[in-house]
Amino acid sequence: MLHSQESAETLALQALAWLAGQEELLPVFLGATGASEADVRAGASDPAFLAALLDFLMMDDAWVVQFCDSAGVPYDRIMQARYALPGGADTHWT
């Protein structure tokens, strides 16, 4: 299923909500991005920030599995959503 930008943003917002509830992972995200909690709140409306959030989540298969299992979505949905957000078409994994 290909995502529209709107549905991709919705999935990324679900991932953000999930991440906010992960006491051990949220500080890793903040440290890796240099974002503050205020930046995260502001970034929730920024498609580029949401794209970066999905990029971060895809850094570890275990994070993908945990989020997707909790959200009830297929594991490849994050990658599909990422392609629909800014810079997604420019991403090359090889």
PDB file of N, CA and C in Angstrom:
ATOM      1  N   MET A   1       0.840  -1.181   0.000  1.00  0.00           N
ATOM      2  CA  MET A   1       0.000   0.000   0.000  1.00  0.00           C
ATOM      3  C   MET A   1       0.884   1.244   0.000  1.00  0.00           C
ATOM      4  N   LEU A   2       0.722   2.062  -0.990  1.00  0.00           N
ATOM      5  CA  LEU A   2       1.473   3.306  -1.043  1.00  0.00           C
ATOM      6  C   LEU A   2       0.746   4.360  -0.228  1.00  0.00           C
ATOM      7  N   HIS A   3       1.504   5.194   0.407  1.00  0.00           N
ATOM      8  CA  HIS A   3       0.958   6.220   1.286  1.00  0.00           C
ATOM      9  C   HIS A   3       0.848   7.562   0.580  1.00  0.00           C
ATOM     10  N   SER A   4      -0.189   8.296   0.937  1.00  0.00           N
ATOM     11  CA  SER A   4      -0.217   9.712   0.606  1.00  0.00           C
ATOM     12  C   SER A   4       0.610  10.403   1.681  1.00  0.00           C
ATOM     13  N   GLN A   5       0.984  11.656   1.441  1.00  0.00           N
ATOM     14  CA  GLN A   5       1.747  12.362   2.464  1.00  0.00           C
ATOM     15  C   GLN A   5       0.924  12.465   3.743  1.00  0.00           C
ATOM     16  N   GLU A   6      -0.368  12.684   3.612  1.00  0.00           N
ATOM     17  CA  GLU A   6      -1.219  12.819   4.800  1.00  0.00           C
ATOM     18  C   GLU A   6      -1.250  11.532   5.621  1.00  0.00           C
ATOM     19  N   SER A   7      -1.419  10.387   4.963  1.00  0.00           N
ATOM     20  CA  SER A   7      -1.448   9.127   5.716  1.00  0.00           C
ATOM     21  C   SER A   7      -0.067   8.799   6.283  1.00  0.00           C
ATOM     22  N   ALA A   8       0.992   9.195   5.569  1.00  0.00           N
ATOM     23  CA  ALA A   8       2.354   8.979   6.077  1.00  0.00           C
ATOM     24  C   ALA A   8       2.583   9.818   7.327  1.00  0.00           C
ATOM     25  N   GLU A   9       2.108  11.056   7.315  1.00  0.00           N
ATOM     26  CA  GLU A   9       2.237  11.912   8.493  1.00  0.00           C
ATOM     27  C   GLU A   9       1.454  11.334   9.667  1.00  0.00           C
ATOM     28  N   THR A  10       0.292  10.781   9.387  1.00  0.00           N
ATOM     29  CA  THR A  10      -0.511  10.172  10.451  1.00  0.00           C
ATOM     30  C   THR A  10       0.234   9.000  11.078  1.00  0.00           C
ATOM     31  N   LEU A  11       0.834   8.144  10.257  1.00  0.00           N
ATOM     32  CA  LEU A  11       1.604   7.025  10.786  1.00  0.00           C
ATOM     33  C   LEU A  11       2.800   7.528  11.585  1.00  0.00           C
ATOM     34  N   ALA A  12       3.469   8.555  11.084  1.00  0.00           N
ATOM     35  CA  ALA A  12       4.622   9.110  11.800  1.00  0.00           C
ATOM     36  C   ALA A  12       4.192   9.707  13.140  1.00  0.00           C
ATOM     37  N   LEU A  13       3.024  10.315  13.186  1.00  0.00           N
ATOM     38  CA  LEU A  13       2.516  10.838  14.463  1.00  0.00           C
ATOM     39  C   LEU A  13       2.210   9.695  15.431  1.00  0.00           C
ATOM     40  N   GLN A  14       1.720   8.586  14.918  1.00  0.00           N
ATOM     41  CA  GLN A  14       1.525   7.405  15.768  1.00  0.00           C
ATOM     42  C   GLN A  14       2.870   6.922  16.312  1.00  0.00           C
ATOM     43  N   ALA A  15       3.877   6.940  15.447  1.00  0.00           N
ATOM     44  CA  ALA A  15       5.214   6.532  15.880  1.00  0.00           C
ATOM     45  C   ALA A  15       5.766   7.493  16.919  1.00  0.00           C
ATOM     46  N   LEU A  16       5.493   8.775  16.750  1.00  0.00           N
ATOM     47  CA  LEU A  16       5.938   9.772  17.726  1.00  0.00           C
ATOM     48  C   LEU A  16       5.276   9.537  19.071  1.00  0.00           C
ATOM     49  N   ALA A  17       3.993   9.263  19.066  1.00  0.00           N
ATOM     50  CA  ALA A  17       3.282   8.981  20.317  1.00  0.00           C
ATOM     51  C   ALA A  17       3.843   7.724  20.973  1.00  0.00           C
ATOM     52  N   TRP A  18       4.122   6.716  20.175  1.00  0.00           N
ATOM     53  CA  TRP A  18       4.709   5.483  20.706  1.00  0.00           C
ATOM     54  C   TRP A  18       6.084   5.772  21.303  1.00  0.00           C
ATOM     55  N   LEU A  19       6.897   6.521  20.562  1.00  0.00           N
ATOM     56  CA  LEU A  19       8.243   6.849  21.021  1.00  0.00           C
ATOM     57  C   LEU A  19       8.205   7.624  22.333  1.00  0.00           C
ATOM     58  N   ALA A  20       7.265   8.533  22.457  1.00  0.00           N
ATOM     59  CA  ALA A  20       7.151   9.332  23.679  1.00  0.00           C
ATOM     60  C   ALA A  20       6.884   8.460  24.903  1.00  0.00           C
ATOM     61  N   GLY A  21       6.293   7.302  24.685  1.00  0.00           N
ATOM     62  CA  GLY A  21       6.022   6.384  25.789  1.00  0.00           C
ATOM     63  C   GLY A  21       7.137   5.400  26.081  1.00  0.00           C
ATOM     64  N   GLN A  22       8.211   5.466  25.314  1.00  0.00           N
ATOM     65  CA  GLN A  22       9.333   4.543  25.498  1.00  0.00           C
ATOM     66  C   GLN A  22      10.404   5.215  26.355  1.00  0.00           C
ATOM     67  N   GLU A  23      10.401   4.938  27.635  1.00  0.00           N
ATOM     68  CA  GLU A  23      11.292   5.619  28.577  1.00  0.00           C
ATOM     69  C   GLU A  23      12.771   5.439  28.253  1.00  0.00           C
ATOM     70  N   GLU A  24      13.135   4.299  27.682  1.00  0.00           N
ATOM     71  CA  GLU A  24      14.546   4.066  27.372  1.00  0.00           C
ATOM     72  C   GLU A  24      14.920   4.582  25.984  1.00  0.00           C
ATOM     73  N   LEU A  25      13.981   4.580  25.054  1.00  0.00           N
ATOM     74  CA  LEU A  25      14.286   4.947  23.677  1.00  0.00           C
ATOM     75  C   LEU A  25      14.159   6.442  23.411  1.00  0.00           C
ATOM     76  N   LEU A  26      13.232   7.116  24.062  1.00  0.00           N
ATOM     77  CA  LEU A  26      13.050   8.546  23.832  1.00  0.00           C
ATOM     78  C   LEU A  26      14.342   9.332  24.065  1.00  0.00           C
ATOM     79  N   PRO A  27      15.079   9.096  25.162  1.00  0.00           N
ATOM     80  CA  PRO A  27      16.342   9.834  25.348  1.00  0.00           C
ATOM     81  C   PRO A  27      17.367   9.533  24.246  1.00  0.00           C
ATOM     82  N   VAL A  28      17.325   8.326  23.690  1.00  0.00           N
ATOM     83  CA  VAL A  28      18.234   7.985  22.589  1.00  0.00           C
ATOM     84  C   VAL A  28      17.889   8.845  21.368  1.00  0.00           C
ATOM     85  N   PHE A  29      16.598   8.974  21.074  1.00  0.00           N
ATOM     86  CA  PHE A  29      16.157   9.816  19.968  1.00  0.00           C
ATOM     87  C   PHE A  29      16.560  11.270  20.193  1.00  0.00           C
ATOM     88  N   LEU A  30      16.316  11.772  21.393  1.00  0.00           N
ATOM     89  CA  LEU A  30      16.669  13.162  21.690  1.00  0.00           C
ATOM     90  C   LEU A  30      18.172  13.388  21.557  1.00  0.00           C
ATOM     91  N   GLY A  31      18.952  12.448  22.056  1.00  0.00           N
ATOM     92  CA  GLY A  31      20.403  12.564  21.966  1.00  0.00           C
ATOM     93  C   GLY A  31      20.907  12.458  20.535  1.00  0.00           C
ATOM     94  N   ALA A  32      20.316  11.566  19.765  1.00  0.00           N
ATOM     95  CA  ALA A  32      20.768  11.367  18.384  1.00  0.00           C
ATOM     96  C   ALA A  32      20.425  12.559  17.500  1.00  0.00           C
ATOM     97  N   THR A  33      19.312  13.204  17.792  1.00  0.00           N
ATOM     98  CA  THR A  33      18.866  14.311  16.941  1.00  0.00           C
ATOM     99  C   THR A  33      19.259  15.676  17.486  1.00  0.00           C
ATOM    100  N   GLY A  34      19.585  15.735  18.773  1.00  0.00           N
ATOM    101  CA  GLY A  34      19.856  17.022  19.392  1.00  0.00           C
ATOM    102  C   GLY A  34      18.585  17.803  19.681  1.00  0.00           C
ATOM    103  N   ALA A  35      17.444  17.151  19.514  1.00  0.00           N
ATOM    104  CA  ALA A  35      16.152  17.811  19.734  1.00  0.00           C
ATOM    105  C   ALA A  35      15.824  17.858  21.221  1.00  0.00           C
ATOM    106  N   SER A  36      15.136  18.914  21.614  1.00  0.00           N
ATOM    107  CA  SER A  36      14.607  19.001  22.972  1.00  0.00           C
ATOM    108  C   SER A  36      13.163  18.509  22.936  1.00  0.00           C
ATOM    109  N   GLU A  37      12.572  18.374  24.106  1.00  0.00           N
ATOM    110  CA  GLU A  37      11.159  17.975  24.137  1.00  0.00           C
ATOM    111  C   GLU A  37      10.291  19.034  23.458  1.00  0.00           C
ATOM    112  N   ALA A  38      10.659  20.303  23.591  1.00  0.00           N
ATOM    113  CA  ALA A  38       9.915  21.379  22.918  1.00  0.00           C
ATOM    114  C   ALA A  38      10.061  21.256  21.399  1.00  0.00           C
ATOM    115  N   ASP A  39      11.257  20.879  20.945  1.00  0.00           N
ATOM    116  CA  ASP A  39      11.468  20.667  19.513  1.00  0.00           C
ATOM    117  C   ASP A  39      10.589  19.534  18.997  1.00  0.00           C
ATOM    118  N   VAL A  40      10.451  18.486  19.798  1.00  0.00           N
ATOM    119  CA  VAL A  40       9.624  17.346  19.405  1.00  0.00           C
ATOM    120  C   VAL A  40       8.168  17.779  19.270  1.00  0.00           C
ATOM    121  N   ARG A  41       7.683  18.548  20.234  1.00  0.00           N
ATOM    122  CA  ARG A  41       6.300  19.033  20.150  1.00  0.00           C
ATOM    123  C   ARG A  41       6.105  19.901  18.912  1.00  0.00           C
ATOM    124  N   ALA A  42       7.040  20.783  18.646  1.00  0.00           N
ATOM    125  CA  ALA A  42       6.947  21.650  17.472  1.00  0.00           C
ATOM    126  C   ALA A  42       7.093  20.848  16.179  1.00  0.00           C
ATOM    127  N   GLY A  43       7.925  19.832  16.217  1.00  0.00           N
ATOM    128  CA  GLY A  43       8.173  19.014  15.033  1.00  0.00           C
ATOM    129  C   GLY A  43       7.009  18.147  14.615  1.00  0.00           C
ATOM    130  N   ALA A  44       6.066  17.962  15.509  1.00  0.00           N
ATOM    131  CA  ALA A  44       4.910  17.118  15.194  1.00  0.00           C
ATOM    132  C   ALA A  44       4.115  17.638  14.006  1.00  0.00           C
ATOM    133  N   SER A  45       4.269  18.906  13.693  1.00  0.00           N
ATOM    134  CA  SER A  45       3.547  19.475  12.549  1.00  0.00           C
ATOM    135  C   SER A  45       4.456  19.696  11.341  1.00  0.00           C
ATOM    136  N   ASP A  46       5.684  19.216  11.413  1.00  0.00           N
ATOM    137  CA  ASP A  46       6.664  19.419  10.350  1.00  0.00           C
ATOM    138  C   ASP A  46       6.937  18.093   9.630  1.00  0.00           C
ATOM    139  N   PRO A  47       6.525  17.966   8.368  1.00  0.00           N
ATOM    140  CA  PRO A  47       6.739  16.711   7.646  1.00  0.00           C
ATOM    141  C   PRO A  47       8.210  16.277   7.595  1.00  0.00           C
ATOM    142  N   ALA A  48       9.138  17.212   7.526  1.00  0.00           N
ATOM    143  CA  ALA A  48      10.561  16.855   7.495  1.00  0.00           C
ATOM    144  C   ALA A  48      10.991  16.245   8.829  1.00  0.00           C
ATOM    145  N   PHE A  49      10.490  16.792   9.932  1.00  0.00           N
ATOM    146  CA  PHE A  49      10.797  16.226  11.248  1.00  0.00           C
ATOM    147  C   PHE A  49      10.210  14.819  11.361  1.00  0.00           C
ATOM    148  N   LEU A  50       8.982  14.649  10.887  1.00  0.00           N
ATOM    149  CA  LEU A  50       8.345  13.336  10.947  1.00  0.00           C
ATOM    150  C   LEU A  50       9.108  12.326  10.098  1.00  0.00           C
ATOM    151  N   ALA A  51       9.657  12.775   8.970  1.00  0.00           N
ATOM    152  CA  ALA A  51      10.484  11.902   8.140  1.00  0.00           C
ATOM    153  C   ALA A  51      11.730  11.470   8.909  1.00  0.00           C
ATOM    154  N   ALA A  52      12.350  12.424   9.597  1.00  0.00           N
ATOM    155  CA  ALA A  52      13.543  12.107  10.394  1.00  0.00           C
ATOM    156  C   ALA A  52      13.210  11.129  11.517  1.00  0.00           C
ATOM    157  N   LEU A  53      12.036  11.261  12.082  1.00  0.00           N
ATOM    158  CA  LEU A  53      11.599  10.332  13.123  1.00  0.00           C
ATOM    159  C   LEU A  53      11.510   8.913  12.562  1.00  0.00           C
ATOM    160  N   LEU A  54      10.923   8.775  11.386  1.00  0.00           N
ATOM    161  CA  LEU A  54      10.838   7.441  10.781  1.00  0.00           C
ATOM    162  C   LEU A  54      12.216   6.917  10.419  1.00  0.00           C
ATOM    163  N   ASP A  55      13.104   7.795   9.938  1.00  0.00           N
ATOM    164  CA  ASP A  55      14.487   7.377   9.667  1.00  0.00           C
ATOM    165  C   ASP A  55      15.134   6.826  10.931  1.00  0.00           C
ATOM    166  N   PHE A  56      14.941   7.520  12.038  1.00  0.00           N
ATOM    167  CA  PHE A  56      15.505   7.064  13.310  1.00  0.00           C
ATOM    168  C   PHE A  56      14.929   5.705  13.678  1.00  0.00           C
ATOM    169  N   LEU A  57      13.641   5.563  13.591  1.00  0.00           N
ATOM    170  CA  LEU A  57      12.983   4.314  13.975  1.00  0.00           C
ATOM    171  C   LEU A  57      13.500   3.140  13.143  1.00  0.00           C
ATOM    172  N   MET A  58      13.767   3.400  11.865  1.00  0.00           N
ATOM    173  CA  MET A  58      14.234   2.328  10.985  1.00  0.00           C
ATOM    174  C   MET A  58      15.703   1.968  11.188  1.00  0.00           C
ATOM    175  N   MET A  59      16.375   2.641  12.093  1.00  0.00           N
ATOM    176  CA  MET A  59      17.765   2.310  12.383  1.00  0.00           C
ATOM    177  C   MET A  59      17.911   0.966  13.091  1.00  0.00           C
ATOM    178  N   ASP A  60      16.838   0.483  13.680  1.00  0.00           N
ATOM    179  CA  ASP A  60      16.912  -0.770  14.433  1.00  0.00           C
ATOM    180  C   ASP A  60      15.658  -1.596  14.147  1.00  0.00           C
ATOM    181  N   ASP A  61      15.850  -2.785  13.639  1.00  0.00           N
ATOM    182  CA  ASP A  61      14.712  -3.642  13.318  1.00  0.00           C
ATOM    183  C   ASP A  61      13.835  -3.916  14.537  1.00  0.00           C
ATOM    184  N   ALA A  62      14.447  -4.005  15.703  1.00  0.00           N
ATOM    185  CA  ALA A  62      13.665  -4.270  16.918  1.00  0.00           C
ATOM    186  C   ALA A  62      12.696  -3.120  17.199  1.00  0.00           C
ATOM    187  N   TRP A  63      13.127  -1.888  16.937  1.00  0.00           N
ATOM    188  CA  TRP A  63      12.242  -0.734  17.146  1.00  0.00           C
ATOM    189  C   TRP A  63      11.074  -0.775  16.171  1.00  0.00           C
ATOM    190  N   VAL A  64      11.372  -1.147  14.926  1.00  0.00           N
ATOM    191  CA  VAL A  64      10.324  -1.262  13.910  1.00  0.00           C
ATOM    192  C   VAL A  64       9.298  -2.299  14.349  1.00  0.00           C
ATOM    193  N   VAL A  65       9.781  -3.445  14.768  1.00  0.00           N
ATOM    194  CA  VAL A  65       8.891  -4.530  15.191  1.00  0.00           C
ATOM    195  C   VAL A  65       8.053  -4.093  16.390  1.00  0.00           C
ATOM    196  N   GLN A  66       8.679  -3.483  17.373  1.00  0.00           N
ATOM    197  CA  GLN A  66       7.941  -3.057  18.568  1.00  0.00           C
ATOM    198  C   GLN A  66       6.855  -2.055  18.222  1.00  0.00           C
ATOM    199  N   PHE A  67       7.208  -1.047  17.425  1.00  0.00           N
ATOM    200  CA  PHE A  67       6.200  -0.053  17.061  1.00  0.00           C
ATOM    201  C   PHE A  67       5.092  -0.674  16.228  1.00  0.00           C
ATOM    202  N   CYS A  68       5.465  -1.406  15.186  1.00  0.00           N
ATOM    203  CA  CYS A  68       4.453  -1.974  14.292  1.00  0.00           C
ATOM    204  C   CYS A  68       3.536  -2.948  15.026  1.00  0.00           C
ATOM    205  N   ASP A  69       4.102  -3.754  15.908  1.00  0.00           N
ATOM    206  CA  ASP A  69       3.266  -4.672  16.687  1.00  0.00           C
ATOM    207  C   ASP A  69       2.292  -3.896  17.567  1.00  0.00           C
ATOM    208  N   SER A  70       2.759  -2.824  18.172  1.00  0.00           N
ATOM    209  CA  SER A  70       1.879  -2.050  19.054  1.00  0.00           C
ATOM    210  C   SER A  70       0.818  -1.293  18.260  1.00  0.00           C
ATOM    211  N   ALA A  71       1.153  -0.870  17.033  1.00  0.00           N
ATOM    212  CA  ALA A  71       0.219  -0.110  16.204  1.00  0.00           C
ATOM    213  C   ALA A  71      -0.648  -1.011  15.319  1.00  0.00           C
ATOM    214  N   GLY A  72      -0.278  -2.286  15.245  1.00  0.00           N
ATOM    215  CA  GLY A  72      -1.040  -3.211  14.417  1.00  0.00           C
ATOM    216  C   GLY A  72      -0.880  -2.953  12.918  1.00  0.00           C
ATOM    217  N   VAL A  73       0.330  -2.558  12.524  1.00  0.00           N
ATOM    218  CA  VAL A  73       0.588  -2.300  11.110  1.00  0.00           C
ATOM    219  C   VAL A  73       1.693  -3.231  10.614  1.00  0.00           C
ATOM    220  N   PRO A  74       1.699  -3.539   9.326  1.00  0.00           N
ATOM    221  CA  PRO A  74       2.769  -4.379   8.769  1.00  0.00           C
ATOM    222  C   PRO A  74       4.130  -3.705   8.918  1.00  0.00           C
ATOM    223  N   TYR A  75       5.162  -4.514   9.019  1.00  0.00           N
ATOM    224  CA  TYR A  75       6.507  -3.996   9.250  1.00  0.00           C
ATOM    225  C   TYR A  75       7.005  -3.095   8.119  1.00  0.00           C
ATOM    226  N   ASP A  76       6.569  -3.328   6.908  1.00  0.00           N
ATOM    227  CA  ASP A  76       7.046  -2.504   5.800  1.00  0.00           C
ATOM    228  C   ASP A  76       6.305  -1.174   5.676  1.00  0.00           C
ATOM    229  N   ARG A  77       5.314  -0.959   6.488  1.00  0.00           N
ATOM    230  CA  ARG A  77       4.522   0.272   6.404  1.00  0.00           C
ATOM    231  C   ARG A  77       5.360   1.513   6.733  1.00  0.00           C
ATOM    232  N   ILE A  78       6.326   1.370   7.626  1.00  0.00           N
ATOM    233  CA  ILE A  78       7.165   2.520   7.986  1.00  0.00           C
ATOM    234  C   ILE A  78       7.976   2.971   6.773  1.00  0.00           C
ATOM    235  N   MET A  79       8.563   2.045   6.064  1.00  0.00           N
ATOM    236  CA  MET A  79       9.341   2.392   4.876  1.00  0.00           C
ATOM    237  C   MET A  79       8.440   3.028   3.821  1.00  0.00           C
ATOM    238  N   GLN A  80       7.268   2.478   3.633  1.00  0.00           N
ATOM    239  CA  GLN A  80       6.341   3.044   2.650  1.00  0.00           C
ATOM    240  C   GLN A  80       5.961   4.474   3.030  1.00  0.00           C
ATOM    241  N   ALA A  81       5.702   4.690   4.307  1.00  0.00           N
ATOM    242  CA  ALA A  81       5.362   6.035   4.766  1.00  0.00           C
ATOM    243  C   ALA A  81       6.546   6.972   4.566  1.00  0.00           C
ATOM    244  N   ARG A  82       7.730   6.485   4.829  1.00  0.00           N
ATOM    245  CA  ARG A  82       8.920   7.329   4.691  1.00  0.00           C
ATOM    246  C   ARG A  82       9.075   7.826   3.267  1.00  0.00           C
ATOM    247  N   TYR A  83       8.782   6.982   2.287  1.00  0.00           N
ATOM    248  CA  TYR A  83       8.894   7.378   0.886  1.00  0.00           C
ATOM    249  C   TYR A  83       7.947   8.525   0.543  1.00  0.00           C
ATOM    250  N   ALA A  84       6.831   8.631   1.264  1.00  0.00           N
ATOM    251  CA  ALA A  84       5.832   9.667   0.974  1.00  0.00           C
ATOM    252  C   ALA A  84       6.150  11.004   1.638  1.00  0.00           C
ATOM    253  N   LEU A  85       7.141  11.032   2.505  1.00  0.00           N
ATOM    254  CA  LEU A  85       7.496  12.266   3.214  1.00  0.00           C
ATOM    255  C   LEU A  85       8.694  12.941   2.544  1.00  0.00           C
ATOM    256  N   PRO A  86       8.962  14.203   2.878  1.00  0.00           N
ATOM    257  CA  PRO A  86      10.064  14.930   2.229  1.00  0.00           C
ATOM    258  C   PRO A  86      11.381  14.157   2.263  1.00  0.00           C
ATOM    259  N   GLY A  87      12.013  14.087   1.094  1.00  0.00           N
ATOM    260  CA  GLY A  87      13.291  13.407   0.975  1.00  0.00           C
ATOM    261  C   GLY A  87      13.189  11.915   0.780  1.00  0.00           C
ATOM    262  N   GLY A  88      12.003  11.362   0.892  1.00  0.00           N
ATOM    263  CA  GLY A  88      11.833   9.910   0.780  1.00  0.00           C
ATOM    264  C   GLY A  88      12.208   9.371  -0.574  1.00  0.00           C
ATOM    265  N   ALA A  89      11.905  10.100  -1.619  1.00  0.00           N
ATOM    266  CA  ALA A  89      12.249   9.661  -2.958  1.00  0.00           C
ATOM    267  C   ALA A  89      13.751   9.700  -3.192  1.00  0.00           C
ATOM    268  N   ASP A  90      14.467  10.468  -2.376  1.00  0.00           N
ATOM    269  CA  ASP A  90      15.912  10.601  -2.531  1.00  0.00           C
ATOM    270  C   ASP A  90      16.693   9.566  -1.753  1.00  0.00           C
ATOM    271  N   THR A  91      16.027   8.774  -0.920  1.00  0.00           N
ATOM    272  CA  THR A  91      16.695   7.798  -0.069  1.00  0.00           C
ATOM    273  C   THR A  91      17.118   6.576  -0.877  1.00  0.00           C
ATOM    274  N   HIS A  92      18.391   6.218  -0.776  1.00  0.00           N
ATOM    275  CA  HIS A  92      18.918   5.033  -1.450  1.00  0.00           C
ATOM    276  C   HIS A  92      19.618   4.191  -0.386  1.00  0.00           C
ATOM    277  N   TRP A  93      19.169   2.980  -0.224  1.00  0.00           N
ATOM    278  CA  TRP A  93      19.680   2.125   0.851  1.00  0.00           C
ATOM    279  C   TRP A  93      20.829   1.234   0.395  1.00  0.00           C
ATOM    280  N   THR A  94      21.196   1.327  -0.875  1.00  0.00           N
ATOM    281  CA  THR A  94      22.286   0.477  -1.355  1.00  0.00           C
ATOM    282  C   THR A  94      23.479   1.311  -1.715  1.00  0.00           C
TER     283      THR A  94
END
